[in-house]
Amino acid sequence: MDDLCADLERLAAVPSIAFPGFSPEPVLQARDLVVELLRAAGVTDIGELNLPRTAPVVTATLPPPTPDAPTVLLYAHYDVQPAADEHLWDSPPFEPTRIEGGIRARGIADDKVNLMVHLGALRAWRGRPPVGIKIVFEGQEEYGSAFDGYPPTDPTAFACDAMIIADTGNIRPGTPTLTTALRGSVDVFVDVRTLDSAVHSGQYGGAAPDALLVLVKALATLHDLHGDVAVEGLRREPWHGTALAEDDFRARAGVPDGTPLLGSGGLGERLWSGPALTVVGLDAPSADRGAAAVVPHARAKLNLRVHPRQDPQEAQDALVRHLRRLRPFGIPLTVTPGDTGPGYEAGTDGPAYRAARTALRRAWGAEPVDAAAGGSVPLVNGLAAAVPQAEILLFGAADSLCRMHAPNERMLRSEFRGALLAEALFFAEYAAAHRPRGAA
């Protein structure tokens, strides 16, 4: 663990941000370090996939030790989110800092510790696990790239019996968790233009149509009095897996006592198996700098998260239809569809899931639970389309308190160790499930 944590710190010190406006050199530096760490773990057949306007995807293989042994694909990504406002960090984001029980750095939870879980599991088997291995370490997951849709165009490259997508973690520290569902994602833009230009609010206000008022009135129709999404045609079902308790959720989301949560029903339903609609951007005059004028133009970006099994295009059409029907104060809206990404729901009855539950139970000394994630991982759908018979497992070393994408992101050594042990044990459990009866 000491060696693994030291290598994790080396990787986390590289500011591998694959966003426009950032130097590509650190991304390539991280790529080179990943290749070095793979070689040190006993992997020699290492390659690279290069797609247009996309950071390199590191690929590698270890052949199955016997003809009947299954092959497991291991996925993680070595790029990270930008650090945002560094003044909000307790230490420089790309200077990995030891904290009680773990390490703080940008990208250390999302997703560099999970990449090191894969490497650690291979080291545990001295580079000779009882299963075949395919490595897919992506370099531009956070921004998105052409790789999301690539796997179905070359299914042979991703052929396997099971996949471990290590871009998730535990519902709470110490609770081994399999993420079995992901919500889909939809973007929609709403524009309102009411005047040729701003006019004096004293002289013209009261009759001149205020674009911001029009937009606010339209946005207010998207939720009912309880805060539930009020757009017809969006799928919502009860969640039957493990969910967060309200006090736990409040603490993690930073909701003060006395501030009500939005919506009704169980938290799993609100967060994972039902829609969530958020105004993620608003173009309007600043409150500090706004003049005493009627606003001529306002614009909003909406992000809709949808049930794992709902077609995102169907959901986007429902939201666009709702908005286009509106005429706040008699004024039409300009509604423009944006990006869509499908959700995912795993089948959990196969041999890989049985092996994973046994491995997680042994590694953690606790019963594993099923949970979902409100976020989306578009590549999962591409991999599922490329290899539809493969079981897809989502687990890892992050946890719901790790502050991914936020200041002071951190990982816990205990979560790292548990996830690594679980993966190493999974290789053995899964290989045993495929071994012919009577074989040693």
Protein backbone atom coordinates (compact mmCIF):
# COMPACT_ATOMS: atom_id res chain seq x y z
CA MET A 1 0.00 0.00 0.00
CA ASP A 2 2.84 2.41 0.72
CA ASP A 3 4.29 1.86 -2.76
CA LEU A 4 0.87 2.18 -4.37
CA CYS A 5 0.11 5.41 -2.52
CA ALA A 6 3.48 6.82 -3.52
CA ASP A 7 2.77 6.04 -7.18
CA LEU A 8 -0.71 7.49 -6.82
CA GLU A 9 0.82 10.72 -5.52
CA ARG A 10 3.16 10.83 -8.54
CA LEU A 11 0.18 10.48 -10.86
CA ALA A 12 -1.97 12.99 -8.96
CA ALA A 13 0.80 15.58 -9.15
CA VAL A 14 0.39 15.74 -12.93
CA PRO A 15 -2.27 18.36 -13.91
CA SER A 16 -3.71 16.19 -16.70
CA ILE A 17 -6.63 18.46 -17.67
CA ALA A 18 -7.85 17.57 -21.17
CA PHE A 19 -10.03 20.67 -21.57
CA PRO A 20 -9.70 23.32 -24.29
CA GLY A 21 -7.38 26.12 -23.21
CA PHE A 22 -5.12 23.86 -21.14
CA SER A 23 -1.74 22.60 -22.29
CA PRO A 24 -1.85 19.05 -23.68
CA GLU A 25 1.63 18.33 -22.34
CA PRO A 26 0.57 17.29 -18.80
CA VAL A 27 -1.99 14.89 -20.30
CA LEU A 28 0.77 13.24 -22.34
CA GLN A 29 3.00 13.23 -19.24
CA ALA A 30 0.28 11.37 -17.34
CA ARG A 31 -0.09 8.96 -20.27
CA ASP A 32 3.62 8.20 -20.12
CA LEU A 33 3.51 7.61 -16.38
CA VAL A 34 0.52 5.25 -16.77
CA VAL A 35 2.47 3.24 -19.35
CA GLU A 36 5.46 3.11 -16.99
CA LEU A 37 3.24 1.86 -14.14
CA LEU A 38 1.67 -0.79 -16.38
CA ARG A 39 5.10 -2.11 -17.30
CA ALA A 40 6.06 -2.19 -13.62
CA ALA A 41 2.91 -4.27 -12.95
CA GLY A 42 4.07 -6.89 -15.45
CA VAL A 43 2.13 -5.77 -18.53
CA THR A 44 4.17 -5.80 -21.73
CA ASP A 45 1.61 -5.75 -24.57
CA ILE A 46 0.80 -2.04 -24.35
CA GLY A 47 -0.67 0.03 -27.16
CA GLU A 48 -2.46 3.29 -27.79
CA LEU A 49 -5.65 4.37 -29.52
CA ASN A 50 -5.59 7.82 -31.10
CA LEU A 51 -8.83 9.41 -32.30
CA PRO A 52 -9.35 12.91 -33.76
CA ARG A 53 -9.21 15.71 -31.17
CA THR A 54 -8.96 13.15 -28.38
CA ALA A 55 -6.24 12.45 -25.83
CA PRO A 56 -4.59 9.04 -26.18
CA VAL A 57 -6.40 5.96 -24.88
CA VAL A 58 -3.88 3.58 -23.34
CA THR A 59 -4.64 -0.06 -24.17
CA ALA A 60 -2.98 -3.25 -23.00
CA THR A 61 -3.64 -6.98 -22.80
CA LEU A 62 -2.65 -9.97 -20.72
CA PRO A 63 -3.70 -13.25 -22.38
CA PRO A 64 -5.88 -15.72 -20.43
CA PRO A 65 -3.66 -18.23 -18.57
CA THR A 66 -5.79 -21.15 -19.84
CA PRO A 67 -8.17 -21.51 -22.80
CA ASP A 68 -11.22 -21.71 -20.51
CA ALA A 69 -10.31 -18.65 -18.40
CA PRO A 70 -12.52 -15.57 -18.87
CA THR A 71 -11.29 -12.14 -19.95
CA VAL A 72 -11.95 -9.02 -17.89
CA LEU A 73 -11.75 -5.50 -19.29
CA LEU A 74 -10.51 -2.87 -16.82
CA TYR A 75 -11.48 0.76 -17.45
CA ALA A 76 -10.40 3.99 -15.76
CA HIS A 77 -9.31 7.45 -16.90
CA TYR A 78 -6.15 9.44 -16.20
CA ASP A 79 -7.47 12.93 -17.00
CA VAL A 80 -9.01 15.21 -14.37
CA GLN A 81 -11.33 18.15 -13.93
CA PRO A 82 -9.86 21.68 -13.74
CA ALA A 83 -9.12 22.77 -10.17
CA ALA A 84 -11.42 25.84 -10.43
CA ASP A 85 -10.75 28.46 -7.74
CA GLU A 86 -7.50 27.37 -6.09
CA HIS A 87 -8.12 29.78 -3.19
CA LEU A 88 -10.86 27.40 -2.01
CA TRP A 89 -8.35 24.58 -1.56
CA ASP A 90 -6.58 23.92 1.74
CA SER A 91 -3.45 22.97 -0.22
CA PRO A 92 -2.40 23.38 -3.86
CA PRO A 93 -4.60 21.04 -5.93
CA PHE A 94 -1.71 19.44 -7.80
CA GLU A 95 0.54 19.03 -4.78
CA PRO A 96 -0.78 15.78 -3.26
CA THR A 97 -1.08 16.33 0.47
CA ARG A 98 -1.34 13.65 3.16
CA ILE A 99 -4.41 14.11 5.34
CA GLU A 100 -5.83 11.97 8.13
CA GLY A 101 -6.62 8.61 6.53
CA GLY A 102 -5.88 9.64 2.96
CA ILE A 103 -4.54 12.06 0.35
CA ARG A 104 -5.93 15.34 -1.02
CA ALA A 105 -5.44 16.43 -4.66
CA ARG A 106 -7.46 17.27 -7.74
CA GLY A 107 -8.43 14.11 -9.61
CA ILE A 108 -7.19 11.74 -6.92
CA ALA A 109 -10.67 10.28 -6.40
CA ASP A 110 -11.92 10.92 -9.95
CA ASP A 111 -10.30 8.87 -11.26
CA LYS A 112 -6.64 8.30 -10.48
CA VAL A 113 -7.13 6.18 -7.36
CA ASN A 114 -9.40 3.89 -9.37
CA LEU A 115 -6.76 3.55 -12.06
CA MET A 116 -4.33 2.57 -9.32
CA VAL A 117 -6.84 -0.01 -8.05
CA HIS A 118 -6.47 -1.81 -11.38
CA LEU A 119 -2.69 -1.57 -11.25
CA GLY A 120 -2.64 -2.71 -7.63
CA ALA A 121 -4.80 -5.75 -8.40
CA LEU A 122 -2.37 -6.72 -11.17
CA ARG A 123 0.57 -6.24 -8.80
CA ALA A 124 -1.17 -8.45 -6.24
CA TRP A 125 -1.09 -11.24 -8.84
CA ARG A 126 2.48 -10.32 -9.89
CA GLY A 127 1.23 -9.58 -13.40
CA ARG A 128 -0.21 -13.09 -13.84
CA PRO A 129 -3.87 -13.01 -12.79
CA PRO A 130 -6.06 -16.11 -13.29
CA VAL A 131 -8.09 -14.25 -15.94
CA GLY A 132 -7.25 -12.59 -19.22
CA ILE A 133 -7.03 -8.80 -18.98
CA LYS A 134 -7.80 -5.95 -21.36
CA ILE A 135 -6.82 -2.46 -20.25
CA VAL A 136 -8.62 0.68 -21.40
CA PHE A 137 -7.31 3.82 -19.69
CA GLU A 138 -8.88 6.93 -21.21
CA GLY A 139 -7.32 10.41 -21.32
CA GLN A 140 -10.29 12.69 -22.02
CA GLU A 141 -13.27 11.41 -20.06
CA GLU A 142 -14.04 14.58 -18.14
CA TYR A 143 -14.44 16.81 -21.20
CA GLY A 144 -15.82 14.12 -23.46
CA SER A 145 -14.49 12.92 -26.78
CA ALA A 146 -15.01 10.77 -29.84
CA PHE A 147 -14.08 7.73 -27.74
CA ASP A 148 -17.55 7.63 -26.13
CA GLY A 149 -19.05 6.27 -29.34
CA TYR A 150 -16.01 4.38 -30.62
CA PRO A 151 -16.31 0.87 -29.07
CA PRO A 152 -19.22 -0.32 -31.28
CA THR A 153 -17.11 0.50 -34.37
CA ASP A 154 -14.40 -1.97 -33.28
CA PRO A 155 -16.07 -4.56 -31.02
CA THR A 156 -13.23 -7.09 -31.32
CA ALA A 157 -10.87 -4.71 -29.51
CA PHE A 158 -13.19 -4.69 -26.49
CA ALA A 159 -14.33 -8.32 -26.55
CA CYS A 160 -14.44 -9.75 -23.04
CA ASP A 161 -16.63 -11.66 -20.59
CA ALA A 162 -16.90 -8.94 -17.95
CA MET A 163 -15.85 -5.33 -17.44
CA ILE A 164 -14.92 -3.41 -14.32
CA ILE A 165 -15.66 0.26 -14.86
CA ALA A 166 -13.73 1.88 -12.03
CA ASP A 167 -15.22 5.37 -12.14
CA THR A 168 -17.51 5.07 -9.12
CA GLY A 169 -17.24 4.16 -5.44
CA ASN A 170 -19.07 3.40 -2.23
CA ILE A 171 -22.34 4.94 -1.11
CA ARG A 172 -20.57 5.68 2.17
CA PRO A 173 -17.03 4.88 3.37
CA GLY A 174 -16.78 1.26 4.42
CA THR A 175 -19.93 0.06 2.61
CA PRO A 176 -18.98 -2.01 -0.46
CA THR A 177 -21.18 -0.81 -3.27
CA LEU A 178 -22.03 -1.94 -6.78
CA THR A 179 -23.43 0.85 -8.92
CA THR A 180 -26.11 -0.86 -10.99
CA ALA A 181 -27.80 2.11 -12.70
CA LEU A 182 -26.86 5.49 -14.17
CA ARG A 183 -29.27 8.26 -15.14
CA GLY A 184 -29.23 9.67 -18.65
CA SER A 185 -28.54 13.34 -19.34
CA VAL A 186 -30.20 15.94 -21.56
CA ASP A 187 -29.38 19.62 -22.23
CA VAL A 188 -31.85 22.23 -23.47
CA PHE A 189 -31.35 25.97 -24.06
CA VAL A 190 -34.12 28.56 -23.67
CA ASP A 191 -33.85 32.05 -25.18
CA VAL A 192 -36.12 35.06 -24.79
CA ARG A 193 -35.66 38.30 -26.73
CA THR A 194 -38.30 41.01 -26.19
CA LEU A 195 -36.72 44.39 -27.08
CA ASP A 196 -34.22 45.80 -29.53
CA SER A 197 -32.16 47.00 -26.57
CA ALA A 198 -32.46 47.77 -22.87
CA VAL A 199 -34.73 50.68 -21.95
CA HIS A 200 -35.15 52.74 -18.78
CA SER A 201 -37.16 50.78 -16.21
CA GLY A 202 -38.73 53.97 -14.83
CA GLN A 203 -39.91 55.28 -18.17
CA TYR A 204 -40.86 51.98 -19.82
CA GLY A 205 -41.21 49.40 -17.04
CA GLY A 206 -44.76 48.13 -16.53
CA ALA A 207 -45.51 47.85 -20.24
CA ALA A 208 -42.21 47.03 -21.95
CA PRO A 209 -41.79 43.23 -21.83
CA ASP A 210 -38.95 42.17 -19.54
CA ALA A 211 -37.15 39.16 -21.06
CA LEU A 212 -35.89 37.97 -17.70
CA LEU A 213 -39.40 38.01 -16.20
CA VAL A 214 -40.65 36.01 -19.19
CA LEU A 215 -37.88 33.46 -18.73
CA VAL A 216 -38.39 33.16 -14.96
CA LYS A 217 -42.12 32.61 -15.43
CA ALA A 218 -41.39 29.84 -17.94
CA LEU A 219 -38.84 28.17 -15.68
CA ALA A 220 -41.29 28.22 -12.78
CA THR A 221 -43.58 25.82 -14.68
CA LEU A 222 -40.98 23.05 -14.68
CA HIS A 223 -41.65 21.99 -11.06
CA ASP A 224 -44.79 21.59 -8.96
CA LEU A 225 -45.39 22.93 -5.46
CA HIS A 226 -43.39 20.07 -3.92
CA GLY A 227 -40.40 20.56 -6.20
CA ASP A 228 -41.12 17.46 -8.31
CA VAL A 229 -40.48 17.80 -12.03
CA ALA A 230 -43.77 18.72 -13.73
CA VAL A 231 -42.92 17.87 -17.34
CA GLU A 232 -45.27 15.32 -18.87
CA GLY A 233 -43.66 12.22 -20.36
CA LEU A 234 -40.69 11.79 -18.01
CA ARG A 235 -40.30 8.38 -16.40
CA ARG A 236 -40.21 7.95 -12.63
CA GLU A 237 -40.29 4.73 -10.61
CA PRO A 238 -39.64 3.73 -6.97
CA TRP A 239 -36.03 2.84 -6.15
CA HIS A 240 -35.72 -0.59 -4.47
CA GLY A 241 -31.97 -0.66 -3.80
CA THR A 242 -29.98 0.99 -1.01
CA ALA A 243 -30.50 4.73 -0.67
CA LEU A 244 -29.10 7.52 1.47
CA ALA A 245 -30.82 8.57 4.67
CA GLU A 246 -32.02 12.19 4.65
CA ASP A 247 -29.57 13.32 7.36
CA ASP A 248 -26.74 11.66 5.47
CA PHE A 249 -27.75 13.35 2.23
CA ARG A 250 -28.06 16.75 3.91
CA ALA A 251 -24.55 16.48 5.31
CA ARG A 252 -23.06 15.45 1.98
CA ALA A 253 -24.90 18.03 -0.09
CA GLY A 254 -24.37 20.82 2.45
CA VAL A 255 -28.10 21.49 2.94
CA PRO A 256 -28.55 23.50 6.16
CA ASP A 257 -30.97 22.30 8.83
CA GLY A 258 -34.37 23.85 8.28
CA THR A 259 -33.97 24.11 4.50
CA PRO A 260 -36.42 21.65 2.92
CA LEU A 261 -35.28 19.21 0.27
CA LEU A 262 -36.93 19.37 -3.13
CA GLY A 263 -39.48 16.82 -4.28
CA SER A 264 -41.45 14.02 -2.69
CA GLY A 265 -40.99 10.29 -2.33
CA GLY A 266 -37.84 8.38 -1.45
CA LEU A 267 -34.39 9.84 -1.97
CA GLY A 268 -33.42 6.99 -4.28
CA GLU A 269 -36.39 7.83 -6.47
CA ARG A 270 -35.55 11.53 -6.52
CA LEU A 271 -31.83 11.01 -7.13
CA TRP A 272 -31.64 7.91 -9.31
CA SER A 273 -34.89 6.50 -10.74
CA GLY A 274 -36.73 9.72 -11.48
CA PRO A 275 -36.06 12.95 -13.36
CA ALA A 276 -34.10 15.91 -12.02
CA LEU A 277 -34.22 19.26 -13.79
CA THR A 278 -31.68 21.96 -12.95
CA VAL A 279 -31.01 25.45 -14.27
CA VAL A 280 -27.25 25.12 -14.71
CA GLY A 281 -26.66 28.45 -16.46
CA LEU A 282 -28.39 31.81 -16.75
CA ASP A 283 -27.43 34.73 -18.99
CA ALA A 284 -28.84 37.89 -17.44
CA PRO A 285 -27.48 41.14 -15.99
CA SER A 286 -25.41 40.78 -12.83
CA ALA A 287 -27.21 41.77 -9.64
CA ASP A 288 -24.23 43.87 -8.61
CA ARG A 289 -23.88 45.65 -11.94
CA GLY A 290 -27.42 45.62 -13.30
CA ALA A 291 -28.70 48.99 -14.48
CA ALA A 292 -32.23 50.30 -13.83
CA ALA A 293 -33.39 48.97 -17.19
CA VAL A 294 -35.86 46.53 -18.68
CA VAL A 295 -33.88 43.47 -19.79
CA PRO A 296 -34.12 42.83 -23.56
CA HIS A 297 -32.60 39.33 -23.68
CA ALA A 298 -32.26 36.39 -21.28
CA ARG A 299 -31.09 32.83 -21.76
CA ALA A 300 -30.95 29.67 -19.65
CA LYS A 301 -29.28 26.28 -19.96
CA LEU A 302 -31.25 23.40 -18.48
CA ASN A 303 -29.84 20.00 -17.56
CA LEU A 304 -32.29 17.13 -17.24
CA ARG A 305 -31.31 13.80 -15.69
CA VAL A 306 -33.60 10.95 -16.65
CA HIS A 307 -34.53 7.43 -15.58
CA PRO A 308 -31.80 4.89 -16.53
CA ARG A 309 -34.12 3.16 -19.00
CA GLN A 310 -35.72 6.23 -20.58
CA ASP A 311 -34.61 7.13 -24.09
CA PRO A 312 -32.85 10.50 -23.63
CA GLN A 313 -34.16 11.73 -26.97
CA GLU A 314 -37.70 10.97 -25.80
CA ALA A 315 -37.04 12.89 -22.59
CA GLN A 316 -35.52 15.83 -24.44
CA ASP A 317 -38.51 15.95 -26.80
CA ALA A 318 -40.85 16.04 -23.80
CA LEU A 319 -38.99 18.98 -22.24
CA VAL A 320 -38.77 20.88 -25.53
CA ARG A 321 -42.49 20.29 -26.15
CA HIS A 322 -43.37 21.57 -22.67
CA LEU A 323 -41.38 24.78 -23.16
CA ARG A 324 -42.52 25.48 -26.70
CA ARG A 325 -46.15 25.28 -25.62
CA LEU A 326 -45.63 28.11 -23.16
CA ARG A 327 -46.39 31.74 -23.96
CA PRO A 328 -45.46 33.65 -20.79
CA PHE A 329 -47.29 37.01 -21.01
CA GLY A 330 -48.07 35.97 -24.60
CA ILE A 331 -44.38 35.84 -25.61
CA PRO A 332 -42.95 32.71 -27.30
CA LEU A 333 -39.69 31.09 -26.26
CA THR A 334 -36.85 29.97 -28.50
CA VAL A 335 -36.03 26.43 -27.37
CA THR A 336 -32.93 24.67 -28.70
CA PRO A 337 -32.08 21.02 -27.94
CA GLY A 338 -28.52 20.36 -26.77
CA ASP A 339 -26.54 17.20 -26.09
CA THR A 340 -28.07 13.94 -24.89
CA GLY A 341 -26.52 10.92 -23.19
CA PRO A 342 -28.26 7.64 -22.39
CA GLY A 343 -28.53 6.10 -18.96
CA TYR A 344 -27.66 2.53 -18.11
CA GLU A 345 -29.12 -0.28 -16.03
CA ALA A 346 -27.10 -3.44 -15.46
CA GLY A 347 -28.28 -7.03 -15.42
CA THR A 348 -27.12 -8.32 -12.04
CA ASP A 349 -27.84 -12.07 -12.11
CA GLY A 350 -24.78 -13.37 -13.96
CA PRO A 351 -21.60 -15.10 -12.76
CA ALA A 352 -19.56 -11.88 -12.73
CA TYR A 353 -22.00 -10.21 -10.33
CA ARG A 354 -22.03 -13.29 -8.12
CA ALA A 355 -18.24 -13.33 -8.07
CA ALA A 356 -18.10 -9.57 -7.41
CA ARG A 357 -20.46 -9.79 -4.45
CA THR A 358 -18.38 -12.58 -2.92
CA ALA A 359 -15.17 -10.62 -3.51
CA LEU A 360 -16.56 -7.39 -2.07
CA ARG A 361 -17.88 -9.23 0.98
CA ARG A 362 -14.51 -10.88 1.62
CA ALA A 363 -12.52 -7.68 1.03
CA TRP A 364 -14.64 -5.42 3.21
CA GLY A 365 -16.03 -7.86 5.76
CA ALA A 366 -19.46 -6.37 5.07
CA GLU A 367 -22.43 -7.19 2.89
CA PRO A 368 -22.28 -5.36 -0.46
CA VAL A 369 -25.19 -3.14 -1.51
CA ASP A 370 -26.60 -2.01 -4.83
CA ALA A 371 -26.91 1.71 -5.48
CA ALA A 372 -27.25 4.00 -8.47
CA ALA A 373 -25.62 7.21 -9.62
CA GLY A 374 -27.33 10.38 -10.73
CA GLY A 375 -24.41 11.17 -13.02
CA SER A 376 -23.85 9.71 -16.46
CA VAL A 377 -20.95 7.69 -17.89
CA PRO A 378 -21.61 7.78 -21.67
CA LEU A 379 -18.84 5.30 -22.47
CA VAL A 380 -20.67 2.55 -20.55
CA ASN A 381 -23.36 2.51 -23.22
CA GLY A 382 -20.76 2.39 -25.97
CA LEU A 383 -19.07 -0.59 -24.33
CA ALA A 384 -22.42 -2.31 -23.73
CA ALA A 385 -23.29 -1.89 -27.42
CA ALA A 386 -19.89 -3.22 -28.48
CA VAL A 387 -19.98 -6.30 -26.23
CA PRO A 388 -23.65 -6.87 -25.34
CA GLN A 389 -23.02 -10.27 -23.72
CA ALA A 390 -20.42 -8.92 -21.25
CA GLU A 391 -21.43 -8.17 -17.66
CA ILE A 392 -20.56 -4.62 -16.63
CA LEU A 393 -19.55 -3.98 -13.03
CA LEU A 394 -19.18 -0.47 -11.63
CA PHE A 395 -17.28 -0.20 -8.36
CA GLY A 396 -14.20 1.58 -7.12
CA ALA A 397 -12.27 3.40 -4.42
CA ALA A 398 -14.09 6.73 -4.36
CA ASP A 399 -16.86 7.43 -1.85
CA SER A 400 -19.73 9.86 -1.57
CA LEU A 401 -17.72 12.21 0.68
CA CYS A 402 -14.64 12.44 -1.56
CA ARG A 403 -15.59 15.87 -3.02
CA MET A 404 -14.92 14.95 -6.62
CA HIS A 405 -15.19 17.96 -8.97
CA ALA A 406 -15.06 20.21 -5.89
CA PRO A 407 -12.30 21.89 -3.86
CA ASN A 408 -10.34 19.65 -1.49
CA GLU A 409 -11.03 16.41 -3.38
CA ARG A 410 -9.60 13.48 -1.46
CA MET A 411 -9.32 9.69 -1.31
CA LEU A 412 -9.21 7.42 1.74
CA ARG A 413 -6.53 4.79 2.10
CA SER A 414 -9.09 2.37 3.55
CA GLU A 415 -11.32 2.70 0.47
CA PHE A 416 -8.32 2.24 -1.81
CA ARG A 417 -7.27 -0.92 0.01
CA GLY A 418 -10.79 -2.38 0.08
CA ALA A 419 -11.43 -1.79 -3.63
CA LEU A 420 -8.01 -3.19 -4.58
CA LEU A 421 -8.53 -6.34 -2.51
CA ALA A 422 -12.02 -6.76 -3.94
CA GLU A 423 -10.77 -6.58 -7.51
CA ALA A 424 -7.88 -8.96 -6.89
CA LEU A 425 -10.26 -11.42 -5.21
CA PHE A 426 -12.77 -10.98 -8.03
CA PHE A 427 -10.22 -12.27 -10.54
CA ALA A 428 -9.96 -15.52 -8.55
CA GLU A 429 -13.68 -15.88 -7.90
CA TYR A 430 -14.59 -15.22 -11.51
CA ALA A 431 -11.92 -17.59 -12.85
CA ALA A 432 -13.22 -20.33 -10.53
CA ALA A 433 -16.76 -19.79 -11.83
CA HIS A 434 -15.53 -20.48 -15.38
CA ARG A 435 -13.29 -23.44 -14.52
CA PRO A 436 -14.62 -26.78 -15.79
CA ARG A 437 -15.78 -29.17 -13.09
CA GLY A 438 -12.98 -31.37 -11.85
CA ALA A 439 -10.25 -28.99 -13.02
CA ALA A 440 -7.58 -28.04 -10.46
